[in-house]
Each structure stands twice: as C-alpha cells, then as structure tokens.
C-alpha cells in the first residue's frame, strides 16, 4: 500500500512543479506589464515635447 502511494505521489510531482513554475512566470509577467503601463505615460510625455512637422505634399 505504501509503495502504491509513493508511486502516485512521484507521478504527481512533475505536474505540480510545472504548475508552480507556470504560476510564478505568469505573476512575474503581470508585474512587468503593470510596471510598463505605469511608466508608459512618462515616456510618451517626453516624446511629445518636440514639434511634429507637417506633410509638405
């Protein structure tokens, strides 16, 4: 009985590690996207300081 439970636990271990890594990666990417969104208006404001030249044609 103990061997059967050990085999089942070892069988679930790779999928649990994979699930944990995926969740950690998603959390990290959400944090980076949030930081990029917070920094975007400041970058956009600096880029709009120079005048835009009109089309001559």
PDB file of N, CA and C in Angstrom:
ATOM      1  N   UNK A   1       0.820  -1.199   0.000  1.00  0.00           N
ATOM      2  CA  UNK A   1       0.000   0.000   0.000  1.00  0.00           C
ATOM      3  C   UNK A   1       0.861   1.260   0.000  1.00  0.00           C
ATOM      4  N   UNK A   2       1.925   1.250   0.796  1.00  0.00           N
ATOM      5  CA  UNK A   2       2.804   2.414   0.884  1.00  0.00           C
ATOM      6  C   UNK A   2       3.524   2.657  -0.439  1.00  0.00           C
ATOM      7  N   UNK A   3       3.906   1.561  -1.102  1.00  0.00           N
ATOM      8  CA  UNK A   3       4.569   1.694  -2.400  1.00  0.00           C
ATOM      9  C   UNK A   3       3.637   2.303  -3.438  1.00  0.00           C
ATOM     10  N   UNK A   4       2.384   1.948  -3.392  1.00  0.00           N
ATOM     11  CA  UNK A   4       1.395   2.493  -4.327  1.00  0.00           C
ATOM     12  C   UNK A   4       1.226   3.993  -4.118  1.00  0.00           C
ATOM     13  N   UNK A   5       1.128   4.430  -2.892  1.00  0.00           N
ATOM     14  CA  UNK A   5       1.005   5.864  -2.598  1.00  0.00           C
ATOM     15  C   UNK A   5       2.257   6.631  -3.004  1.00  0.00           C
ATOM     16  N   UNK A   6       3.418   5.993  -2.820  1.00  0.00           N
ATOM     17  CA  UNK A   6       4.669   6.630  -3.221  1.00  0.00           C
ATOM     18  C   UNK A   6       4.731   6.794  -4.733  1.00  0.00           C
ATOM     19  N   UNK A   7       4.295   5.796  -5.478  1.00  0.00           N
ATOM     20  CA  UNK A   7       4.280   5.873  -6.939  1.00  0.00           C
ATOM     21  C   UNK A   7       3.319   6.967  -7.405  1.00  0.00           C
ATOM     22  N   UNK A   8       2.159   7.056  -6.777  1.00  0.00           N
ATOM     23  CA  UNK A   8       1.193   8.105  -7.124  1.00  0.00           C
ATOM     24  C   UNK A   8       1.762   9.483  -6.815  1.00  0.00           C
ATOM     25  N   UNK A   9       2.398   9.634  -5.646  1.00  0.00           N
ATOM     26  CA  UNK A   9       2.987  10.929  -5.275  1.00  0.00           C
ATOM     27  C   UNK A   9       4.096  11.325  -6.236  1.00  0.00           C
ATOM     28  N   UNK A  10       4.950  10.385  -6.610  1.00  0.00           N
ATOM     29  CA  UNK A  10       6.027  10.670  -7.554  1.00  0.00           C
ATOM     30  C   UNK A  10       5.453  10.987  -8.930  1.00  0.00           C
ATOM     31  N   UNK A  11       4.339  10.381  -9.282  1.00  0.00           N
ATOM     32  CA  UNK A  11       3.690  10.647 -10.562  1.00  0.00           C
ATOM     33  C   UNK A  11       3.120  12.060 -10.631  1.00  0.00           C
ATOM     34  N   UNK A  12       2.608  12.569  -9.522  1.00  0.00           N
ATOM     35  CA  UNK A  12       2.034  13.919  -9.496  1.00  0.00           C
ATOM     36  C   UNK A  12       3.089  15.013  -9.307  1.00  0.00           C
ATOM     37  N   UNK A  13       4.246  14.663  -8.838  1.00  0.00           N
ATOM     38  CA  UNK A  13       5.267  15.655  -8.526  1.00  0.00           C
ATOM     39  C   UNK A  13       5.693  16.508  -9.729  1.00  0.00           C
ATOM     40  N   UNK A  14       5.980  15.962 -10.908  1.00  0.00           N
ATOM     41  CA  UNK A  14       6.379  16.816 -12.035  1.00  0.00           C
ATOM     42  C   UNK A  14       5.287  17.793 -12.468  1.00  0.00           C
ATOM     43  N   UNK A  15       4.032  17.347 -12.447  1.00  0.00           N
ATOM     44  CA  UNK A  15       2.955  18.253 -12.842  1.00  0.00           C
ATOM     45  C   UNK A  15       2.764  19.365 -11.820  1.00  0.00           C
ATOM     46  N   UNK A  16       2.950  19.081 -10.550  1.00  0.00           N
ATOM     47  CA  UNK A  16       2.837  20.125  -9.524  1.00  0.00           C
ATOM     48  C   UNK A  16       3.971  21.137  -9.637  1.00  0.00           C
ATOM     49  N   UNK A  17       5.170  20.661  -9.923  1.00  0.00           N
ATOM     50  CA  UNK A  17       6.300  21.574 -10.106  1.00  0.00           C
ATOM     51  C   UNK A  17       6.077  22.438 -11.341  1.00  0.00           C
ATOM     52  N   UNK A  18       5.563  21.847 -12.403  1.00  0.00           N
ATOM     53  CA  UNK A  18       5.282  22.598 -13.625  1.00  0.00           C
ATOM     54  C   UNK A  18       4.211  23.647 -13.381  1.00  0.00           C
ATOM     55  N   UNK A  19       3.159  23.292 -12.683  1.00  0.00           N
ATOM     56  CA  UNK A  19       2.088  24.243 -12.361  1.00  0.00           C
ATOM     57  C   UNK A  19       2.618  25.393 -11.526  1.00  0.00           C
ATOM     58  N   UNK A  20       3.468  25.097 -10.566  1.00  0.00           N
ATOM     59  CA  UNK A  20       4.054  26.139  -9.728  1.00  0.00           C
ATOM     60  C   UNK A  20       4.923  27.082 -10.568  1.00  0.00           C
ATOM     61  N   UNK A  21       5.719  26.531 -11.484  1.00  0.00           N
ATOM     62  CA  UNK A  21       6.583  27.365 -12.332  1.00  0.00           C
ATOM     63  C   UNK A  21       5.758  28.237 -13.275  1.00  0.00           C
ATOM     64  N   UNK A  22       4.679  27.694 -13.818  1.00  0.00           N
ATOM     65  CA  UNK A  22       3.818  28.472 -14.714  1.00  0.00           C
ATOM     66  C   UNK A  22       3.170  29.615 -13.958  1.00  0.00           C
ATOM     67  N   UNK A  23       2.668  29.363 -12.778  1.00  0.00           N
ATOM     68  CA  UNK A  23       2.022  30.427 -11.984  1.00  0.00           C
ATOM     69  C   UNK A  23       3.030  31.516 -11.610  1.00  0.00           C
ATOM     70  N   UNK A  24       4.249  31.117 -11.289  1.00  0.00           N
ATOM     71  CA  UNK A  24       5.284  32.084 -10.934  1.00  0.00           C
ATOM     72  C   UNK A  24       5.645  32.944 -12.148  1.00  0.00           C
ATOM     73  N   UNK A  25       5.739  32.326 -13.314  1.00  0.00           N
ATOM     74  CA  UNK A  25       6.050  33.058 -14.539  1.00  0.00           C
ATOM     75  C   UNK A  25       4.935  34.027 -14.904  1.00  0.00           C
ATOM     76  N   UNK A  26       3.688  33.615 -14.756  1.00  0.00           N
ATOM     77  CA  UNK A  26       2.561  34.495 -15.054  1.00  0.00           C
ATOM     78  C   UNK A  26       2.529  35.690 -14.102  1.00  0.00           C
ATOM     79  N   UNK A  27       2.803  35.439 -12.833  1.00  0.00           N
ATOM     80  CA  UNK A  27       2.824  36.528 -11.861  1.00  0.00           C
ATOM     81  C   UNK A  27       3.936  37.519 -12.191  1.00  0.00           C
ATOM     82  N   UNK A  28       5.091  37.013 -12.593  1.00  0.00           N
ATOM     83  CA  UNK A  28       6.209  37.879 -12.947  1.00  0.00           C
ATOM     84  C   UNK A  28       5.885  38.701 -14.195  1.00  0.00           C
ATOM     85  N   UNK A  29       5.246  38.076 -15.180  1.00  0.00           N
ATOM     86  CA  UNK A  29       4.912  38.814 -16.405  1.00  0.00           C
ATOM     87  C   UNK A  29       3.822  39.849 -16.134  1.00  0.00           C
ATOM     88  N   UNK A  30       2.859  39.554 -15.261  1.00  0.00           N
ATOM     89  CA  UNK A  30       1.849  40.551 -14.895  1.00  0.00           C
ATOM     90  C   UNK A  30       2.494  41.745 -14.205  1.00  0.00           C
ATOM     91  N   UNK A  31       3.470  41.482 -13.344  1.00  0.00           N
ATOM     92  CA  UNK A  31       4.167  42.562 -12.659  1.00  0.00           C
ATOM     93  C   UNK A  31       4.937  43.425 -13.651  1.00  0.00           C
ATOM     94  N   UNK A  32       5.612  42.806 -14.607  1.00  0.00           N
ATOM     95  CA  UNK A  32       6.359  43.575 -15.613  1.00  0.00           C
ATOM     96  C   UNK A  32       5.424  44.393 -16.494  1.00  0.00           C
ATOM     97  N   UNK A  33       4.278  43.833 -16.872  1.00  0.00           N
ATOM     98  CA  UNK A  33       3.320  44.576 -17.676  1.00  0.00           C
ATOM     99  C   UNK A  33       2.749  45.756 -16.892  1.00  0.00           C
ATOM    100  N   UNK A  34       2.487  45.566 -15.610  1.00  0.00           N
ATOM    101  CA  UNK A  34       1.988  46.650 -14.767  1.00  0.00           C
ATOM    102  C   UNK A  34       3.027  47.760 -14.653  1.00  0.00           C
ATOM    103  N   UNK A  35       4.294  47.380 -14.479  1.00  0.00           N
ATOM    104  CA  UNK A  35       5.351  48.382 -14.393  1.00  0.00           C
ATOM    105  C   UNK A  35       5.505  49.129 -15.709  1.00  0.00           C
ATOM    106  N   UNK A  36       5.393  48.429 -16.820  1.00  0.00           N
ATOM    107  CA  UNK A  36       5.492  49.080 -18.129  1.00  0.00           C
ATOM    108  C   UNK A  36       4.324  50.031 -18.345  1.00  0.00           C
ATOM    109  N   UNK A  37       3.140  49.640 -17.906  1.00  0.00           N
ATOM    110  CA  UNK A  37       1.972  50.509 -18.056  1.00  0.00           C
ATOM    111  C   UNK A  37       2.102  51.747 -17.182  1.00  0.00           C
ATOM    112  N   UNK A  38       2.699  51.600 -16.026  1.00  0.00           N
ATOM    113  CA  UNK A  38       2.877  52.761 -15.140  1.00  0.00           C
ATOM    114  C   UNK A  38       3.926  53.718 -15.703  1.00  0.00           C
ATOM    115  N   UNK A  39       4.919  53.208 -16.395  1.00  0.00           N
ATOM    116  CA  UNK A  39       5.983  54.046 -16.940  1.00  0.00           C
ATOM    117  C   UNK A  39       5.655  54.605 -18.310  1.00  0.00           C
ATOM    118  N   UNK A  40       4.653  54.085 -18.987  1.00  0.00           N
ATOM    119  CA  UNK A  40       4.359  54.492 -20.356  1.00  0.00           C
ATOM    120  C   UNK A  40       3.963  55.958 -20.481  1.00  0.00           C
ATOM    121  N   UNK A  41       3.068  56.520 -19.665  1.00  0.00           N
ATOM    122  CA  UNK A  41       2.709  57.933 -19.843  1.00  0.00           C
ATOM    123  C   UNK A  41       3.908  58.870 -19.680  1.00  0.00           C
ATOM    124  N   UNK A  42       4.831  58.550 -18.810  1.00  0.00           N
ATOM    125  CA  UNK A  42       6.007  59.398 -18.632  1.00  0.00           C
ATOM    126  C   UNK A  42       6.869  59.380 -19.889  1.00  0.00           C
ATOM    127  N   UNK A  43       7.041  58.223 -20.480  1.00  0.00           N
ATOM    128  CA  UNK A  43       7.828  58.102 -21.709  1.00  0.00           C
ATOM    129  C   UNK A  43       7.108  58.801 -22.852  1.00  0.00           C
ATOM    130  N   UNK A  44       5.810  58.638 -22.939  1.00  0.00           N
ATOM    131  CA  UNK A  44       5.037  59.253 -24.013  1.00  0.00           C
ATOM    132  C   UNK A  44       5.080  60.777 -23.880  1.00  0.00           C
ATOM    133  N   UNK A  45       5.029  61.282 -22.675  1.00  0.00           N
ATOM    134  CA  UNK A  45       5.087  62.722 -22.462  1.00  0.00           C
ATOM    135  C   UNK A  45       6.417  63.311 -22.893  1.00  0.00           C
ATOM    136  N   UNK A  46       7.494  62.615 -22.650  1.00  0.00           N
ATOM    137  CA  UNK A  46       8.816  63.105 -23.061  1.00  0.00           C
ATOM    138  C   UNK A  46       8.965  63.082 -24.575  1.00  0.00           C
ATOM    139  N   UNK A  47       8.333  62.133 -25.245  1.00  0.00           N
ATOM    140  CA  UNK A  47       8.471  62.031 -26.688  1.00  0.00           C
ATOM    141  C   UNK A  47       7.679  63.114 -27.411  1.00  0.00           C
ATOM    142  N   UNK A  48       6.629  63.628 -26.801  1.00  0.00           N
ATOM    143  CA  UNK A  48       5.784  64.620 -27.452  1.00  0.00           C
ATOM    144  C   UNK A  48       6.287  66.048 -27.264  1.00  0.00           C
ATOM    145  N   UNK A  49       7.436  66.247 -26.695  1.00  0.00           N
ATOM    146  CA  UNK A  49       7.949  67.596 -26.458  1.00  0.00           C
ATOM    147  C   UNK A  49       8.398  68.287 -27.743  1.00  0.00           C
ATOM    148  N   UNK A  50       8.925  67.556 -28.708  1.00  0.00           N
ATOM    149  CA  UNK A  50       9.380  68.195 -29.939  1.00  0.00           C
ATOM    150  C   UNK A  50       8.212  68.373 -30.901  1.00  0.00           C
ATOM    151  N   UNK A  51       8.188  69.454 -31.656  1.00  0.00           N
ATOM    152  CA  UNK A  51       7.060  69.705 -32.559  1.00  0.00           C
ATOM    153  C   UNK A  51       7.031  68.707 -33.727  1.00  0.00           C
ATOM    154  N   UNK A  52       5.840  68.413 -34.165  1.00  0.00           N
ATOM    155  CA  UNK A  52       5.640  67.490 -35.280  1.00  0.00           C
ATOM    156  C   UNK A  52       5.597  68.315 -36.564  1.00  0.00           C
ATOM    157  N   UNK A  53       6.437  67.941 -37.530  1.00  0.00           N
ATOM    158  CA  UNK A  53       6.457  68.655 -38.798  1.00  0.00           C
ATOM    159  C   UNK A  53       5.300  68.186 -39.673  1.00  0.00           C
ATOM    160  N   UNK A  54       4.680  69.142 -40.385  1.00  0.00           N
ATOM    161  CA  UNK A  54       3.558  68.811 -41.224  1.00  0.00           C
ATOM    162  C   UNK A  54       4.008  68.162 -42.530  1.00  0.00           C
ATOM    163  N   UNK A  55       3.094  67.560 -43.230  1.00  0.00           N
ATOM    164  CA  UNK A  55       3.377  66.915 -44.508  1.00  0.00           C
ATOM    165  C   UNK A  55       3.423  67.987 -45.586  1.00  0.00           C
ATOM    166  N   UNK A  56       4.459  68.029 -46.371  1.00  0.00           N
ATOM    167  CA  UNK A  56       4.618  69.074 -47.397  1.00  0.00           C
ATOM    168  C   UNK A  56       3.862  68.760 -48.673  1.00  0.00           C
ATOM    169  N   UNK A  57       3.504  67.529 -48.875  1.00  0.00           N
ATOM    170  CA  UNK A  57       2.925  67.141 -50.159  1.00  0.00           C
ATOM    171  C   UNK A  57       1.434  66.980 -50.082  1.00  0.00           C
TER     172      UNK A  57
END
